[in-house]
């Protein structure tokens, strides 16, 4: 049985309100790690895993990520015995110096790891480039897009309204939804918004995390005429988040990394027919954002570039219905059915 869990990124205990296992046959394997978790190599340690898989006798094994003790051991053990399908979303965006000694050593190590993989299910262009760089051949790479439940987000639900949180219906609204952490870089968005000359603009910041107190402290020092246009909403669970996206005109993801391998909130906003403004450090940017069509990409950690893009967007309010439609259309092929179909074809 899945239980509520403390999430260090959100800084609170999370109990997801949509069941993920209903309708599936599944087995939990005992984890003997003294510090269980998916944030470090020894956090997933299942001594019985290989024997349980042997007993079940699958035709192929789909592994999500290699950087856990059990996953790496499994891949090495079943190499050449079972087909190993691998799925991850890593990219090379964090590599600032590709010729550094550290980078070369890491590439050598990862090339060794991926020799155990028969097929890699890449989630997008940056992820495909990552696999190719580490020795996987074109015939081993199969597209299985990063996806969310597009229909659930596009249908939406009734939720809090603009007026209920103090935003006029005719205002122009930017939205950030996620963890208030360094990787997501919400401070950059806040600083850029403070400089916007358009006094009809509002900013909604949804979530929680270690940067929350500092952000609220900064807002407390601002003139009331400005601070009243910045709105914090608490963490939203899965059933309520689709309605939150409907509050905005543009969704912004200002991530700087390291480790912003994709940014699934971009998918979510696009499924809600919203234009998007995202940093080039987001793995999804190159695939999902088409300049001037459904949004813009700005240079990571470049507050001036972000501000310029925000002012361009807020000055062209009348274009947003069409941009939102482009977002909705672009995200439709990035769906769960495509992932399932890819895996089924590999098993034929």
Protein backbone atom coordinates (compact mmCIF):
# COMPACT_ATOMS: atom_id res chain seq x y z
CA UNK A 1 0.00 0.00 0.00
CA UNK A 2 1.40 3.41 -0.95
CA UNK A 3 1.64 5.82 1.95
CA UNK A 4 2.06 9.56 2.25
CA UNK A 5 5.69 10.60 1.94
CA UNK A 6 7.78 13.58 2.89
CA UNK A 7 8.97 15.39 -0.25
CA UNK A 8 12.10 17.47 0.44
CA UNK A 9 11.51 19.58 -2.68
CA UNK A 10 8.06 20.70 -1.57
CA UNK A 11 9.17 20.64 2.07
CA UNK A 12 6.04 18.83 3.20
CA UNK A 13 4.37 15.44 3.43
CA UNK A 14 2.63 14.56 0.16
CA UNK A 15 -0.28 12.17 -0.21
CA UNK A 16 -1.14 12.07 -3.91
CA UNK A 17 -4.90 12.02 -4.44
CA UNK A 18 -5.02 10.03 -7.70
CA UNK A 19 -4.41 6.26 -7.37
CA UNK A 20 -1.62 5.17 -9.70
CA UNK A 21 -1.88 1.40 -9.29
CA UNK A 22 -5.61 0.78 -9.78
CA UNK A 23 -6.22 -1.71 -12.60
CA UNK A 24 -2.70 -3.14 -12.57
CA UNK A 25 -1.22 -6.35 -11.21
CA UNK A 26 1.78 -5.35 -9.15
CA UNK A 27 4.16 -6.51 -6.44
CA UNK A 28 6.17 -4.44 -4.00
CA UNK A 29 9.68 -5.77 -3.45
CA UNK A 30 11.22 -5.32 -0.02
CA UNK A 31 13.64 -2.41 0.20
CA UNK A 32 16.30 -2.99 2.87
CA UNK A 33 18.04 0.37 2.49
CA UNK A 34 18.80 2.04 5.81
CA UNK A 35 17.84 5.33 4.16
CA UNK A 36 15.19 4.51 1.55
CA UNK A 37 14.52 7.00 -1.21
CA UNK A 38 14.94 7.73 -4.89
CA UNK A 39 17.38 10.59 -4.35
CA UNK A 40 20.56 8.54 -3.85
CA UNK A 41 22.20 5.37 -5.15
CA UNK A 42 21.72 3.20 -2.03
CA UNK A 43 18.16 4.36 -1.47
CA UNK A 44 16.72 1.43 -3.48
CA UNK A 45 18.23 -1.86 -2.33
CA UNK A 46 16.15 -4.99 -3.01
CA UNK A 47 18.15 -8.21 -2.44
CA UNK A 48 15.23 -10.42 -3.54
CA UNK A 49 14.51 -8.53 -6.77
CA UNK A 50 16.50 -10.67 -9.20
CA UNK A 51 15.09 -13.93 -7.86
CA UNK A 52 11.54 -12.57 -7.95
CA UNK A 53 12.00 -11.55 -11.57
CA UNK A 54 13.49 -14.96 -12.38
CA UNK A 55 10.46 -16.64 -10.78
CA UNK A 56 8.06 -14.50 -12.81
CA UNK A 57 10.03 -15.21 -16.03
CA UNK A 58 9.29 -12.10 -18.13
CA UNK A 59 10.13 -11.78 -21.83
CA UNK A 60 11.66 -8.34 -21.29
CA UNK A 61 12.45 -5.98 -18.43
CA UNK A 62 11.73 -2.25 -18.50
CA UNK A 63 14.08 -0.35 -16.19
CA UNK A 64 13.47 3.28 -15.19
CA UNK A 65 16.85 4.81 -14.42
CA UNK A 66 20.15 3.09 -13.63
CA UNK A 67 21.42 5.16 -10.69
CA UNK A 68 20.13 2.91 -7.91
CA UNK A 69 21.86 -0.10 -6.42
CA UNK A 70 19.11 -2.57 -7.37
CA UNK A 71 18.58 -1.18 -10.87
CA UNK A 72 22.24 -1.31 -11.78
CA UNK A 73 22.63 -4.81 -10.36
CA UNK A 74 19.56 -5.98 -12.28
CA UNK A 75 20.81 -4.58 -15.58
CA UNK A 76 24.19 -6.23 -15.23
CA UNK A 77 22.70 -9.59 -14.16
CA UNK A 78 20.13 -9.88 -16.96
CA UNK A 79 22.40 -8.57 -19.73
CA UNK A 80 22.20 -11.11 -22.55
CA UNK A 81 19.58 -13.19 -20.68
CA UNK A 82 16.54 -10.97 -21.10
CA UNK A 83 15.83 -8.00 -23.32
CA UNK A 84 16.52 -4.86 -21.33
CA UNK A 85 14.39 -1.83 -22.21
CA UNK A 86 15.58 1.34 -20.54
CA UNK A 87 13.74 4.60 -19.91
CA UNK A 88 15.18 7.76 -18.46
CA UNK A 89 15.11 11.45 -19.31
CA UNK A 90 18.73 12.56 -18.80
CA UNK A 91 20.28 15.10 -21.15
CA UNK A 92 23.54 16.99 -21.65
CA UNK A 93 22.21 20.47 -20.84
CA UNK A 94 24.14 20.69 -17.57
CA UNK A 95 27.49 20.02 -19.24
CA UNK A 96 29.15 23.42 -19.44
CA UNK A 97 32.54 22.06 -20.54
CA UNK A 98 32.21 18.94 -22.62
CA UNK A 99 35.96 18.44 -22.81
CA UNK A 100 36.60 18.53 -19.07
CA UNK A 101 38.29 15.52 -17.51
CA UNK A 102 35.30 14.96 -15.22
CA UNK A 103 32.91 14.93 -18.19
CA UNK A 104 35.07 12.48 -20.13
CA UNK A 105 35.27 10.09 -17.17
CA UNK A 106 31.51 10.28 -16.70
CA UNK A 107 30.90 9.55 -20.37
CA UNK A 108 33.20 6.56 -20.26
CA UNK A 109 31.35 5.23 -17.20
CA UNK A 110 27.90 5.78 -18.71
CA UNK A 111 28.92 4.17 -22.00
CA UNK A 112 29.86 1.10 -19.96
CA UNK A 113 26.48 1.16 -18.14
CA UNK A 114 24.45 1.41 -21.35
CA UNK A 115 26.10 -1.64 -22.86
CA UNK A 116 23.56 -3.58 -20.82
CA UNK A 117 20.66 -1.93 -22.67
CA UNK A 118 19.00 -3.44 -25.74
CA UNK A 119 16.55 -0.62 -26.43
CA UNK A 120 16.41 2.88 -24.95
CA UNK A 121 13.06 4.64 -24.92
CA UNK A 122 13.98 8.29 -25.43
CA UNK A 123 11.54 10.97 -24.29
CA UNK A 124 12.62 13.82 -26.57
CA UNK A 125 15.43 15.28 -28.69
CA UNK A 126 17.78 16.17 -25.84
CA UNK A 127 17.39 12.73 -24.31
CA UNK A 128 18.06 11.05 -27.68
CA UNK A 129 21.27 13.06 -28.07
CA UNK A 130 22.31 11.96 -24.57
CA UNK A 131 21.93 8.27 -25.44
CA UNK A 132 23.77 8.68 -28.74
CA UNK A 133 26.62 10.45 -27.00
CA UNK A 134 26.98 7.50 -24.63
CA UNK A 135 27.27 4.84 -27.28
CA UNK A 136 23.74 3.68 -28.09
CA UNK A 137 23.11 3.20 -31.81
CA UNK A 138 20.18 4.53 -33.84
CA UNK A 139 18.56 1.09 -34.10
CA UNK A 140 18.53 0.91 -30.28
CA UNK A 141 16.71 4.24 -29.83
CA UNK A 142 12.92 4.27 -29.82
CA UNK A 143 10.77 7.36 -29.27
CA UNK A 144 8.38 7.13 -26.32
CA UNK A 145 7.37 10.72 -25.50
CA UNK A 146 7.35 12.26 -22.05
CA UNK A 147 3.66 12.58 -21.33
CA UNK A 148 0.93 13.42 -18.87
CA UNK A 149 -2.79 12.63 -18.90
CA UNK A 150 -3.66 15.23 -21.54
CA UNK A 151 -7.38 14.60 -21.35
CA UNK A 152 -7.60 15.10 -17.59
CA UNK A 153 -5.80 18.41 -17.82
CA UNK A 154 -7.69 19.66 -20.87
CA UNK A 155 -11.06 18.85 -19.29
CA UNK A 156 -10.13 20.70 -16.11
CA UNK A 157 -12.39 21.23 -13.14
CA UNK A 158 -13.98 24.16 -11.40
CA UNK A 159 -11.69 25.64 -8.79
CA UNK A 160 -10.57 28.92 -7.28
CA UNK A 161 -11.35 31.94 -9.47
CA UNK A 162 -9.27 35.01 -10.18
CA UNK A 163 -11.58 37.23 -8.21
CA UNK A 164 -11.30 34.96 -5.17
CA UNK A 165 -7.56 35.58 -4.97
CA UNK A 166 -7.76 39.27 -5.79
CA UNK A 167 -7.07 39.31 -9.51
CA UNK A 168 -9.34 41.24 -11.91
CA UNK A 169 -10.72 39.16 -14.74
CA UNK A 170 -9.17 41.53 -17.31
CA UNK A 171 -5.67 41.31 -15.81
CA UNK A 172 -2.76 39.62 -17.56
CA UNK A 173 -1.56 36.69 -15.42
CA UNK A 174 1.74 34.81 -15.36
CA UNK A 175 1.84 31.50 -13.46
CA UNK A 176 4.57 29.38 -11.91
CA UNK A 177 3.57 26.03 -10.40
CA UNK A 178 6.15 23.73 -8.85
CA UNK A 179 8.73 23.41 -6.11
CA UNK A 180 10.23 26.59 -4.72
CA UNK A 181 13.79 25.30 -5.08
CA UNK A 182 17.04 26.46 -6.66
CA UNK A 183 16.68 24.13 -9.65
CA UNK A 184 13.34 25.67 -10.65
CA UNK A 185 14.69 29.21 -10.09
CA UNK A 186 11.41 30.94 -9.11
CA UNK A 187 13.45 33.86 -7.73
CA UNK A 188 14.41 34.80 -11.29
CA UNK A 189 10.75 35.00 -12.28
CA UNK A 190 9.87 37.04 -9.21
CA UNK A 191 12.71 39.51 -9.86
CA UNK A 192 11.70 39.88 -13.52
CA UNK A 193 8.05 40.42 -12.65
CA UNK A 194 8.95 43.20 -10.20
CA UNK A 195 10.49 45.13 -13.13
CA UNK A 196 7.54 44.78 -15.52
CA UNK A 197 6.14 48.17 -16.48
CA UNK A 198 2.64 46.85 -17.23
CA UNK A 199 0.62 47.50 -14.06
CA UNK A 200 -2.18 45.24 -15.28
CA UNK A 201 0.06 42.18 -14.87
CA UNK A 202 -0.26 39.73 -11.98
CA UNK A 203 1.93 36.80 -10.93
CA UNK A 204 0.70 33.60 -9.29
CA UNK A 205 3.24 31.37 -7.53
CA UNK A 206 1.88 27.93 -6.69
CA UNK A 207 3.70 25.40 -4.56
CA UNK A 208 6.04 25.23 -1.59
CA UNK A 209 9.67 24.54 -0.82
CA UNK A 210 12.89 25.83 0.74
CA UNK A 211 12.85 29.20 -1.10
CA UNK A 212 9.32 30.11 -0.03
CA UNK A 213 10.24 32.11 3.07
CA UNK A 214 12.88 34.18 1.26
CA UNK A 215 10.50 34.93 -1.60
CA UNK A 216 7.73 36.04 0.73
CA UNK A 217 10.19 38.16 2.70
CA UNK A 218 11.23 39.95 -0.49
CA UNK A 219 7.61 40.62 -1.42
CA UNK A 220 6.98 42.08 2.02
CA UNK A 221 9.50 44.84 1.26
CA UNK A 222 7.76 45.93 -1.96
CA UNK A 223 5.26 48.77 -2.34
CA UNK A 224 1.71 47.59 -1.67
CA UNK A 225 0.68 48.50 -5.23
CA UNK A 226 3.18 45.89 -6.46
CA UNK A 227 2.97 43.26 -3.73
CA UNK A 228 -0.82 43.13 -4.19
CA UNK A 229 -0.21 41.82 -7.72
CA UNK A 230 1.84 38.85 -6.51
CA UNK A 231 -0.19 35.90 -5.23
CA UNK A 232 0.98 32.77 -3.43
CA UNK A 233 -1.15 29.62 -3.52
CA UNK A 234 -0.25 26.47 -1.55
CA UNK A 235 0.77 23.12 -3.04
CA UNK A 236 -2.01 21.74 -5.24
CA UNK A 237 -2.66 18.03 -5.52
CA UNK A 238 -3.33 16.25 -8.80
CA UNK A 239 -7.11 16.67 -8.86
CA UNK A 240 -6.96 20.43 -8.30
CA UNK A 241 -3.94 21.49 -10.39
CA UNK A 242 -5.72 21.51 -13.82
CA UNK A 243 -8.00 24.30 -12.63
CA UNK A 244 -5.00 26.31 -11.41
CA UNK A 245 -3.59 26.50 -14.93
CA UNK A 246 -6.87 28.07 -16.06
CA UNK A 247 -6.12 31.11 -13.91
CA UNK A 248 -3.25 32.26 -16.11
CA UNK A 249 -2.59 33.71 -19.52
CA UNK A 250 0.97 32.36 -19.70
CA UNK A 251 2.75 29.60 -17.80
CA UNK A 252 6.42 30.24 -16.92
CA UNK A 253 9.08 27.68 -16.02
CA UNK A 254 12.38 29.52 -15.32
CA UNK A 255 14.50 26.49 -14.40
CA UNK A 256 18.27 26.78 -14.25
CA UNK A 257 19.09 23.21 -13.26
CA UNK A 258 21.09 21.21 -12.63
CA UNK A 259 18.85 18.28 -13.32
CA UNK A 260 15.87 19.89 -15.06
CA UNK A 261 15.69 16.94 -17.41
CA UNK A 262 12.26 17.79 -18.85
CA UNK A 263 9.70 19.92 -16.99
CA UNK A 264 6.38 18.05 -17.16
CA UNK A 265 4.52 21.15 -15.97
CA UNK A 266 5.09 22.42 -19.52
CA UNK A 267 3.06 19.47 -20.84
CA UNK A 268 0.38 20.20 -18.25
CA UNK A 269 0.05 23.87 -19.18
CA UNK A 270 -0.05 23.08 -22.89
CA UNK A 271 -2.77 20.45 -22.35
CA UNK A 272 -4.71 23.27 -20.67
CA UNK A 273 -4.31 25.36 -23.85
CA UNK A 274 -1.86 27.82 -22.33
CA UNK A 275 1.11 29.54 -23.99
CA UNK A 276 4.43 28.76 -22.28
CA UNK A 277 7.58 30.70 -21.50
CA UNK A 278 10.44 28.41 -20.46
CA UNK A 279 14.20 28.51 -20.06
CA UNK A 280 16.52 26.73 -22.46
CA UNK A 281 17.69 24.60 -19.53
CA UNK A 282 14.39 22.67 -19.60
CA UNK A 283 14.76 19.41 -21.50
CA UNK A 284 11.32 19.87 -23.06
CA UNK A 285 11.94 23.31 -24.53
CA UNK A 286 13.44 22.30 -27.88
CA UNK A 287 10.57 19.89 -28.62
CA UNK A 288 7.52 21.63 -27.20
CA UNK A 289 8.05 25.38 -27.56
CA UNK A 290 7.72 26.95 -31.00
CA UNK A 291 8.83 30.58 -31.01
CA UNK A 292 5.90 32.96 -31.39
CA UNK A 293 3.50 30.08 -32.05
CA UNK A 294 2.80 28.72 -28.58
CA UNK A 295 5.35 30.65 -26.53
CA UNK A 296 9.02 31.52 -26.18
CA UNK A 297 12.30 30.11 -24.87
CA UNK A 298 14.62 32.41 -22.91
CA UNK A 299 18.26 32.01 -21.89
CA UNK A 300 18.56 30.28 -18.54
CA UNK A 301 19.34 32.55 -15.58
CA UNK A 302 19.15 35.62 -17.84
CA UNK A 303 16.72 37.91 -16.05
CA UNK A 304 16.79 40.54 -18.79
CA UNK A 305 15.91 38.02 -21.51
CA UNK A 306 13.10 36.67 -19.34
CA UNK A 307 11.79 40.19 -18.69
CA UNK A 308 11.88 41.04 -22.39
CA UNK A 309 9.90 37.90 -23.28
CA UNK A 310 7.38 38.60 -20.51
CA UNK A 311 6.86 42.15 -21.81
CA UNK A 312 6.44 40.89 -25.38
CA UNK A 313 3.79 38.44 -24.23
CA UNK A 314 1.92 40.83 -21.95
CA UNK A 315 1.82 43.46 -24.71
CA UNK A 316 0.09 41.04 -27.13
CA UNK A 317 -2.81 39.87 -25.00
CA UNK A 318 -5.10 39.50 -28.01
CA UNK A 319 -2.95 36.70 -29.52
CA UNK A 320 -3.36 34.29 -26.64
CA UNK A 321 -6.35 32.31 -27.77
CA UNK A 322 -4.47 31.30 -30.92
CA UNK A 323 -1.24 30.61 -29.03
CA UNK A 324 -3.12 28.48 -26.53
CA UNK A 325 -4.71 26.52 -29.36
CA UNK A 326 -1.24 25.88 -30.81
CA UNK A 327 -0.08 24.59 -27.41
CA UNK A 328 -3.04 22.23 -27.19
CA UNK A 329 -2.48 20.90 -30.71
CA UNK A 330 1.27 20.47 -30.27
CA UNK A 331 0.94 18.42 -27.08
CA UNK A 332 -1.66 15.96 -28.37
CA UNK A 333 0.83 13.42 -29.84
CA UNK A 334 2.74 13.45 -26.53
CA UNK A 335 0.43 11.05 -24.75
CA UNK A 336 0.33 7.80 -22.74
CA UNK A 337 -1.06 5.79 -25.65
CA UNK A 338 2.07 6.54 -27.68
CA UNK A 339 4.27 5.18 -24.89
CA UNK A 340 2.17 2.02 -24.55
CA UNK A 341 2.11 1.47 -28.31
CA UNK A 342 5.91 1.79 -28.49
CA UNK A 343 6.43 -0.82 -25.78
CA UNK A 344 3.90 -3.21 -27.31
CA UNK A 345 5.64 -3.01 -30.70
CA UNK A 346 8.98 -3.82 -29.10
CA UNK A 347 7.48 -7.02 -27.66
CA UNK A 348 6.05 -8.29 -30.98
